[in-house]
């Protein structure tokens, strides 16, 4: 059985490979979509005001991976 850490690691790697191919105009909306996705919580599972901790954790790992991958080129997106 595959562990959650392994799955998260592969998701981060896939998103890193994806964002490296994007230009600046394409990357901004992708990052905003990721943030919006992480902030949503399915009401039927968590209630209307709950934070989805799994999504927030994955967003942190993806953001860290993107910053690691892009380095100084990601600085303009830190304000998002």
PDB file of N, CA and C in Angstrom:
ATOM      1  N   UNK A   1       0.840  -1.185   0.000  1.00  0.00           N
ATOM      2  CA  UNK A   1       0.000   0.000   0.000  1.00  0.00           C
ATOM      3  C   UNK A   1       0.886   1.248   0.000  1.00  0.00           C
ATOM      4  N   UNK A   2       0.486   2.240  -0.778  1.00  0.00           N
ATOM      5  CA  UNK A   2       1.247   3.468  -0.925  1.00  0.00           C
ATOM      6  C   UNK A   2       0.889   4.425   0.213  1.00  0.00           C
ATOM      7  N   UNK A   3       1.914   5.028   0.812  1.00  0.00           N
ATOM      8  CA  UNK A   3       1.668   5.939   1.926  1.00  0.00           C
ATOM      9  C   UNK A   3       1.236   7.315   1.424  1.00  0.00           C
ATOM     10  N   UNK A   4       0.604   8.069   2.295  1.00  0.00           N
ATOM     11  CA  UNK A   4       0.159   9.414   1.967  1.00  0.00           C
ATOM     12  C   UNK A   4       1.357  10.306   1.641  1.00  0.00           C
ATOM     13  N   UNK A   5       2.453  10.156   2.357  1.00  0.00           N
ATOM     14  CA  UNK A   5       3.661  10.947   2.086  1.00  0.00           C
ATOM     15  C   UNK A   5       4.178  10.711   0.670  1.00  0.00           C
ATOM     16  N   UNK A   6       4.152   9.479   0.229  1.00  0.00           N
ATOM     17  CA  UNK A   6       4.613   9.143  -1.122  1.00  0.00           C
ATOM     18  C   UNK A   6       3.705   9.790  -2.171  1.00  0.00           C
ATOM     19  N   UNK A   7       2.411   9.741  -1.945  1.00  0.00           N
ATOM     20  CA  UNK A   7       1.457  10.348  -2.869  1.00  0.00           C
ATOM     21  C   UNK A   7       1.664  11.859  -2.922  1.00  0.00           C
ATOM     22  N   UNK A   8       1.800  12.492  -1.749  1.00  0.00           N
ATOM     23  CA  UNK A   8       2.033  13.932  -1.706  1.00  0.00           C
ATOM     24  C   UNK A   8       3.327  14.293  -2.419  1.00  0.00           C
ATOM     25  N   UNK A   9       4.360  13.514  -2.228  1.00  0.00           N
ATOM     26  CA  UNK A   9       5.651  13.759  -2.876  1.00  0.00           C
ATOM     27  C   UNK A   9       5.500  13.711  -4.399  1.00  0.00           C
ATOM     28  N   UNK A  10       4.765  12.733  -4.888  1.00  0.00           N
ATOM     29  CA  UNK A  10       4.559  12.615  -6.340  1.00  0.00           C
ATOM     30  C   UNK A  10       3.709  13.757  -6.888  1.00  0.00           C
ATOM     31  N   UNK A  11       2.741  14.222  -6.107  1.00  0.00           N
ATOM     32  CA  UNK A  11       1.939  15.375  -6.524  1.00  0.00           C
ATOM     33  C   UNK A  11       2.823  16.610  -6.640  1.00  0.00           C
ATOM     34  N   UNK A  12       3.673  16.827  -5.642  1.00  0.00           N
ATOM     35  CA  UNK A  12       4.585  17.970  -5.667  1.00  0.00           C
ATOM     36  C   UNK A  12       5.507  17.888  -6.880  1.00  0.00           C
ATOM     37  N   UNK A  13       6.054  16.716  -7.149  1.00  0.00           N
ATOM     38  CA  UNK A  13       6.937  16.549  -8.313  1.00  0.00           C
ATOM     39  C   UNK A  13       6.204  16.833  -9.625  1.00  0.00           C
ATOM     40  N   UNK A  14       4.962  16.374  -9.721  1.00  0.00           N
ATOM     41  CA  UNK A  14       4.182  16.590 -10.943  1.00  0.00           C
ATOM     42  C   UNK A  14       3.892  18.080 -11.141  1.00  0.00           C
ATOM     43  N   UNK A  15       3.534  18.768 -10.073  1.00  0.00           N
ATOM     44  CA  UNK A  15       3.244  20.191 -10.187  1.00  0.00           C
ATOM     45  C   UNK A  15       4.522  20.972 -10.482  1.00  0.00           C
ATOM     46  N   UNK A  16       5.647  20.561  -9.903  1.00  0.00           N
ATOM     47  CA  UNK A  16       6.921  21.202 -10.224  1.00  0.00           C
ATOM     48  C   UNK A  16       7.229  21.061 -11.713  1.00  0.00           C
ATOM     49  N   UNK A  17       7.033  19.889 -12.257  1.00  0.00           N
ATOM     50  CA  UNK A  17       7.289  19.657 -13.674  1.00  0.00           C
ATOM     51  C   UNK A  17       6.334  20.474 -14.541  1.00  0.00           C
ATOM     52  N   UNK A  18       5.110  20.657 -14.060  1.00  0.00           N
ATOM     53  CA  UNK A  18       4.115  21.424 -14.800  1.00  0.00           C
ATOM     54  C   UNK A  18       4.448  22.918 -14.797  1.00  0.00           C
ATOM     55  N   UNK A  19       4.728  23.487 -13.621  1.00  0.00           N
ATOM     56  CA  UNK A  19       4.929  24.938 -13.539  1.00  0.00           C
ATOM     57  C   UNK A  19       6.215  25.392 -14.217  1.00  0.00           C
ATOM     58  N   UNK A  20       7.189  24.533 -14.327  1.00  0.00           N
ATOM     59  CA  UNK A  20       8.439  24.922 -14.979  1.00  0.00           C
ATOM     60  C   UNK A  20       8.209  25.209 -16.463  1.00  0.00           C
ATOM     61  N   UNK A  21       7.125  24.693 -17.018  1.00  0.00           N
ATOM     62  CA  UNK A  21       6.815  24.889 -18.437  1.00  0.00           C
ATOM     63  C   UNK A  21       5.932  26.115 -18.682  1.00  0.00           C
ATOM     64  N   UNK A  22       5.479  26.749 -17.606  1.00  0.00           N
ATOM     65  CA  UNK A  22       4.577  27.886 -17.745  1.00  0.00           C
ATOM     66  C   UNK A  22       5.349  29.195 -17.837  1.00  0.00           C
ATOM     67  N   UNK A  23       4.748  30.159 -18.530  1.00  0.00           N
ATOM     68  CA  UNK A  23       5.340  31.497 -18.511  1.00  0.00           C
ATOM     69  C   UNK A  23       4.726  32.279 -17.353  1.00  0.00           C
ATOM     70  N   UNK A  24       5.182  33.505 -17.176  1.00  0.00           N
ATOM     71  CA  UNK A  24       4.757  34.312 -16.035  1.00  0.00           C
ATOM     72  C   UNK A  24       3.251  34.577 -16.037  1.00  0.00           C
ATOM     73  N   UNK A  25       2.691  34.811 -17.210  1.00  0.00           N
ATOM     74  CA  UNK A  25       1.251  35.083 -17.311  1.00  0.00           C
ATOM     75  C   UNK A  25       0.405  33.861 -16.980  1.00  0.00           C
ATOM     76  N   UNK A  26       0.919  32.683 -17.238  1.00  0.00           N
ATOM     77  CA  UNK A  26       0.184  31.451 -16.963  1.00  0.00           C
ATOM     78  C   UNK A  26       0.349  30.998 -15.517  1.00  0.00           C
ATOM     79  N   UNK A  27       1.496  31.287 -14.928  1.00  0.00           N
ATOM     80  CA  UNK A  27       1.783  30.791 -13.574  1.00  0.00           C
ATOM     81  C   UNK A  27       0.916  31.449 -12.510  1.00  0.00           C
ATOM     82  N   UNK A  28       0.683  32.746 -12.631  1.00  0.00           N
ATOM     83  CA  UNK A  28      -0.123  33.459 -11.634  1.00  0.00           C
ATOM     84  C   UNK A  28      -1.495  32.843 -11.419  1.00  0.00           C
ATOM     85  N   UNK A  29      -2.285  32.646 -12.479  1.00  0.00           N
ATOM     86  CA  UNK A  29      -3.607  32.038 -12.302  1.00  0.00           C
ATOM     87  C   UNK A  29      -3.561  30.608 -11.748  1.00  0.00           C
ATOM     88  N   UNK A  30      -2.523  29.853 -12.102  1.00  0.00           N
ATOM     89  CA  UNK A  30      -2.392  28.494 -11.570  1.00  0.00           C
ATOM     90  C   UNK A  30      -2.170  28.546 -10.062  1.00  0.00           C
ATOM     91  N   UNK A  31      -1.302  29.449  -9.622  1.00  0.00           N
ATOM     92  CA  UNK A  31      -1.041  29.575  -8.181  1.00  0.00           C
ATOM     93  C   UNK A  31      -2.283  30.037  -7.434  1.00  0.00           C
ATOM     94  N   UNK A  32      -3.007  30.997  -8.000  1.00  0.00           N
ATOM     95  CA  UNK A  32      -4.240  31.453  -7.357  1.00  0.00           C
ATOM     96  C   UNK A  32      -5.274  30.338  -7.278  1.00  0.00           C
ATOM     97  N   UNK A  33      -5.362  29.527  -8.309  1.00  0.00           N
ATOM     98  CA  UNK A  33      -6.291  28.390  -8.286  1.00  0.00           C
ATOM     99  C   UNK A  33      -5.918  27.391  -7.204  1.00  0.00           C
ATOM    100  N   UNK A  34      -4.632  27.156  -7.028  1.00  0.00           N
ATOM    101  CA  UNK A  34      -4.184  26.250  -5.967  1.00  0.00           C
ATOM    102  C   UNK A  34      -4.561  26.784  -4.587  1.00  0.00           C
ATOM    103  N   UNK A  35      -4.378  28.081  -4.386  1.00  0.00           N
ATOM    104  CA  UNK A  35      -4.723  28.687  -3.092  1.00  0.00           C
ATOM    105  C   UNK A  35      -6.216  28.603  -2.848  1.00  0.00           C
ATOM    106  N   UNK A  36      -7.009  28.927  -3.858  1.00  0.00           N
ATOM    107  CA  UNK A  36      -8.471  28.840  -3.713  1.00  0.00           C
ATOM    108  C   UNK A  36      -8.910  27.412  -3.428  1.00  0.00           C
ATOM    109  N   UNK A  37      -8.289  26.441  -4.106  1.00  0.00           N
ATOM    110  CA  UNK A  37      -8.612  25.033  -3.878  1.00  0.00           C
ATOM    111  C   UNK A  37      -8.308  24.649  -2.430  1.00  0.00           C
ATOM    112  N   UNK A  38      -7.162  25.094  -1.925  1.00  0.00           N
ATOM    113  CA  UNK A  38      -6.762  24.728  -0.566  1.00  0.00           C
ATOM    114  C   UNK A  38      -7.659  25.374   0.483  1.00  0.00           C
ATOM    115  N   UNK A  39      -8.236  26.522   0.163  1.00  0.00           N
ATOM    116  CA  UNK A  39      -9.092  27.214   1.127  1.00  0.00           C
ATOM    117  C   UNK A  39     -10.502  26.637   1.182  1.00  0.00           C
ATOM    118  N   UNK A  40     -10.895  25.927   0.141  1.00  0.00           N
ATOM    119  CA  UNK A  40     -12.238  25.334   0.119  1.00  0.00           C
ATOM    120  C   UNK A  40     -12.264  24.098   0.998  1.00  0.00           C
ATOM    121  N   UNK A  41     -13.374  23.909   1.640  1.00  0.00           N
ATOM    122  CA  UNK A  41     -13.554  22.666   2.368  1.00  0.00           C
ATOM    123  C   UNK A  41     -14.922  22.114   1.991  1.00  0.00           C
ATOM    124  N   UNK A  42     -14.952  20.864   1.603  1.00  0.00           N
ATOM    125  CA  UNK A  42     -16.243  20.260   1.245  1.00  0.00           C
ATOM    126  C   UNK A  42     -17.207  20.307   2.431  1.00  0.00           C
ATOM    127  N   UNK A  43     -18.293  21.042   2.286  1.00  0.00           N
ATOM    128  CA  UNK A  43     -19.229  21.252   3.387  1.00  0.00           C
ATOM    129  C   UNK A  43     -19.827  19.944   3.902  1.00  0.00           C
ATOM    130  N   UNK A  44     -20.036  19.016   3.012  1.00  0.00           N
ATOM    131  CA  UNK A  44     -20.653  17.763   3.436  1.00  0.00           C
ATOM    132  C   UNK A  44     -19.712  16.929   4.310  1.00  0.00           C
ATOM    133  N   UNK A  45     -18.413  17.167   4.234  1.00  0.00           N
ATOM    134  CA  UNK A  45     -17.468  16.395   5.042  1.00  0.00           C
ATOM    135  C   UNK A  45     -17.002  17.130   6.286  1.00  0.00           C
ATOM    136  N   UNK A  46     -16.803  18.433   6.189  1.00  0.00           N
ATOM    137  CA  UNK A  46     -16.149  19.161   7.266  1.00  0.00           C
ATOM    138  C   UNK A  46     -16.998  20.240   7.912  1.00  0.00           C
ATOM    139  N   UNK A  47     -18.150  20.535   7.378  1.00  0.00           N
ATOM    140  CA  UNK A  47     -18.961  21.618   7.898  1.00  0.00           C
ATOM    141  C   UNK A  47     -18.596  22.930   7.215  1.00  0.00           C
ATOM    142  N   UNK A  48     -19.415  23.953   7.347  1.00  0.00           N
ATOM    143  CA  UNK A  48     -19.222  25.179   6.584  1.00  0.00           C
ATOM    144  C   UNK A  48     -18.005  26.018   6.989  1.00  0.00           C
ATOM    145  N   UNK A  49     -17.522  25.913   8.198  1.00  0.00           N
ATOM    146  CA  UNK A  49     -16.449  26.799   8.671  1.00  0.00           C
ATOM    147  C   UNK A  49     -15.140  26.071   8.948  1.00  0.00           C
ATOM    148  N   UNK A  50     -15.062  24.833   8.641  1.00  0.00           N
ATOM    149  CA  UNK A  50     -13.860  24.063   8.935  1.00  0.00           C
ATOM    150  C   UNK A  50     -12.791  24.288   7.869  1.00  0.00           C
ATOM    151  N   UNK A  51     -11.540  24.198   8.286  1.00  0.00           N
ATOM    152  CA  UNK A  51     -10.406  24.287   7.370  1.00  0.00           C
ATOM    153  C   UNK A  51     -10.012  22.866   6.998  1.00  0.00           C
ATOM    154  N   UNK A  52      -9.751  22.664   5.725  1.00  0.00           N
ATOM    155  CA  UNK A  52      -9.314  21.355   5.284  1.00  0.00           C
ATOM    156  C   UNK A  52      -7.797  21.275   5.485  1.00  0.00           C
ATOM    157  N   UNK A  53      -7.384  20.680   6.563  1.00  0.00           N
ATOM    158  CA  UNK A  53      -5.973  20.625   6.934  1.00  0.00           C
ATOM    159  C   UNK A  53      -5.143  19.870   5.905  1.00  0.00           C
ATOM    160  N   UNK A  54      -5.695  18.858   5.305  1.00  0.00           N
ATOM    161  CA  UNK A  54      -4.957  18.093   4.290  1.00  0.00           C
ATOM    162  C   UNK A  54      -4.647  18.958   3.069  1.00  0.00           C
ATOM    163  N   UNK A  55      -5.623  19.732   2.641  1.00  0.00           N
ATOM    164  CA  UNK A  55      -5.398  20.611   1.496  1.00  0.00           C
ATOM    165  C   UNK A  55      -4.391  21.708   1.839  1.00  0.00           C
ATOM    166  N   UNK A  56      -4.502  22.269   3.038  1.00  0.00           N
ATOM    167  CA  UNK A  56      -3.567  23.310   3.464  1.00  0.00           C
ATOM    168  C   UNK A  56      -2.141  22.775   3.523  1.00  0.00           C
ATOM    169  N   UNK A  57      -1.986  21.560   4.028  1.00  0.00           N
ATOM    170  CA  UNK A  57      -0.666  20.937   4.110  1.00  0.00           C
ATOM    171  C   UNK A  57      -0.101  20.692   2.719  1.00  0.00           C
ATOM    172  N   UNK A  58      -0.926  20.196   1.833  1.00  0.00           N
ATOM    173  CA  UNK A  58      -0.464  19.948   0.471  1.00  0.00           C
ATOM    174  C   UNK A  58      -0.117  21.261  -0.229  1.00  0.00           C
ATOM    175  N   UNK A  59      -0.889  22.310   0.005  1.00  0.00           N
ATOM    176  CA  UNK A  59      -0.573  23.620  -0.577  1.00  0.00           C
ATOM    177  C   UNK A  59       0.799  24.083  -0.099  1.00  0.00           C
ATOM    178  N   UNK A  60       1.087  23.916   1.183  1.00  0.00           N
ATOM    179  CA  UNK A  60       2.392  24.302   1.713  1.00  0.00           C
ATOM    180  C   UNK A  60       3.505  23.515   1.034  1.00  0.00           C
ATOM    181  N   UNK A  61       3.322  22.219   0.894  1.00  0.00           N
ATOM    182  CA  UNK A  61       4.349  21.389   0.268  1.00  0.00           C
ATOM    183  C   UNK A  61       4.536  21.743  -1.203  1.00  0.00           C
ATOM    184  N   UNK A  62       3.424  22.003  -1.904  1.00  0.00           N
ATOM    185  CA  UNK A  62       3.515  22.384  -3.315  1.00  0.00           C
ATOM    186  C   UNK A  62       4.200  23.742  -3.444  1.00  0.00           C
ATOM    187  N   UNK A  63       3.812  24.699  -2.604  1.00  0.00           N
ATOM    188  CA  UNK A  63       4.434  26.026  -2.639  1.00  0.00           C
ATOM    189  C   UNK A  63       5.925  25.947  -2.367  1.00  0.00           C
ATOM    190  N   UNK A  64       6.292  25.158  -1.398  1.00  0.00           N
ATOM    191  CA  UNK A  64       7.702  24.973  -1.081  1.00  0.00           C
ATOM    192  C   UNK A  64       8.448  24.355  -2.261  1.00  0.00           C
ATOM    193  N   UNK A  65       7.847  23.371  -2.893  1.00  0.00           N
ATOM    194  CA  UNK A  65       8.461  22.731  -4.050  1.00  0.00           C
ATOM    195  C   UNK A  65       8.618  23.677  -5.222  1.00  0.00           C
ATOM    196  N   UNK A  66       7.597  24.538  -5.429  1.00  0.00           N
ATOM    197  CA  UNK A  66       7.673  25.507  -6.516  1.00  0.00           C
ATOM    198  C   UNK A  66       8.769  26.526  -6.238  1.00  0.00           C
ATOM    199  N   UNK A  67       8.832  27.018  -5.005  1.00  0.00           N
ATOM    200  CA  UNK A  67       9.885  27.975  -4.657  1.00  0.00           C
ATOM    201  C   UNK A  67      11.266  27.353  -4.791  1.00  0.00           C
ATOM    202  N   UNK A  68      11.372  26.109  -4.413  1.00  0.00           N
ATOM    203  CA  UNK A  68      12.641  25.398  -4.558  1.00  0.00           C
ATOM    204  C   UNK A  68      13.013  25.245  -6.033  1.00  0.00           C
ATOM    205  N   UNK A  69      12.029  24.938  -6.846  1.00  0.00           N
ATOM    206  CA  UNK A  69      12.259  24.714  -8.272  1.00  0.00           C
ATOM    207  C   UNK A  69      12.581  26.013  -9.009  1.00  0.00           C
ATOM    208  N   UNK A  70      11.811  27.068  -8.738  1.00  0.00           N
ATOM    209  CA  UNK A  70      11.953  28.305  -9.484  1.00  0.00           C
ATOM    210  C   UNK A  70      12.928  29.298  -8.859  1.00  0.00           C
ATOM    211  N   UNK A  71      13.182  29.146  -7.575  1.00  0.00           N
ATOM    212  CA  UNK A  71      14.123  30.034  -6.894  1.00  0.00           C
ATOM    213  C   UNK A  71      13.722  31.488  -7.006  1.00  0.00           C
ATOM    214  N   UNK A  72      14.661  32.329  -7.433  1.00  0.00           N
ATOM    215  CA  UNK A  72      14.435  33.768  -7.488  1.00  0.00           C
ATOM    216  C   UNK A  72      13.370  34.168  -8.507  1.00  0.00           C
ATOM    217  N   UNK A  73      13.068  33.307  -9.456  1.00  0.00           N
ATOM    218  CA  UNK A  73      12.035  33.627 -10.444  1.00  0.00           C
ATOM    219  C   UNK A  73      10.636  33.619  -9.836  1.00  0.00           C
ATOM    220  N   UNK A  74      10.473  33.010  -8.677  1.00  0.00           N
ATOM    221  CA  UNK A  74       9.170  32.944  -8.019  1.00  0.00           C
ATOM    222  C   UNK A  74       8.909  34.153  -7.145  1.00  0.00           C
ATOM    223  N   UNK A  75       9.896  34.995  -6.915  1.00  0.00           N
ATOM    224  CA  UNK A  75       9.735  36.143  -6.014  1.00  0.00           C
ATOM    225  C   UNK A  75       8.565  37.043  -6.393  1.00  0.00           C
ATOM    226  N   UNK A  76       8.346  37.379  -7.669  1.00  0.00           N
ATOM    227  CA  UNK A  76       7.190  38.246  -7.983  1.00  0.00           C
ATOM    228  C   UNK A  76       5.846  37.649  -7.580  1.00  0.00           C
ATOM    229  N   UNK A  77       5.775  36.346  -7.411  1.00  0.00           N
ATOM    230  CA  UNK A  77       4.501  35.708  -7.065  1.00  0.00           C
ATOM    231  C   UNK A  77       4.271  35.603  -5.560  1.00  0.00           C
ATOM    232  N   UNK A  78       5.236  35.991  -4.752  1.00  0.00           N
ATOM    233  CA  UNK A  78       5.079  35.896  -3.302  1.00  0.00           C
ATOM    234  C   UNK A  78       4.011  36.829  -2.780  1.00  0.00           C
ATOM    235  N   UNK A  79       3.702  37.877  -3.503  1.00  0.00           N
ATOM    236  CA  UNK A  79       2.659  38.810  -3.077  1.00  0.00           C
ATOM    237  C   UNK A  79       1.268  38.237  -3.272  1.00  0.00           C
ATOM    238  N   UNK A  80       1.131  37.168  -4.056  1.00  0.00           N
ATOM    239  CA  UNK A  80      -0.183  36.577  -4.296  1.00  0.00           C
ATOM    240  C   UNK A  80      -0.648  35.961  -3.013  1.00  0.00           C
TER     241      UNK A  80
END
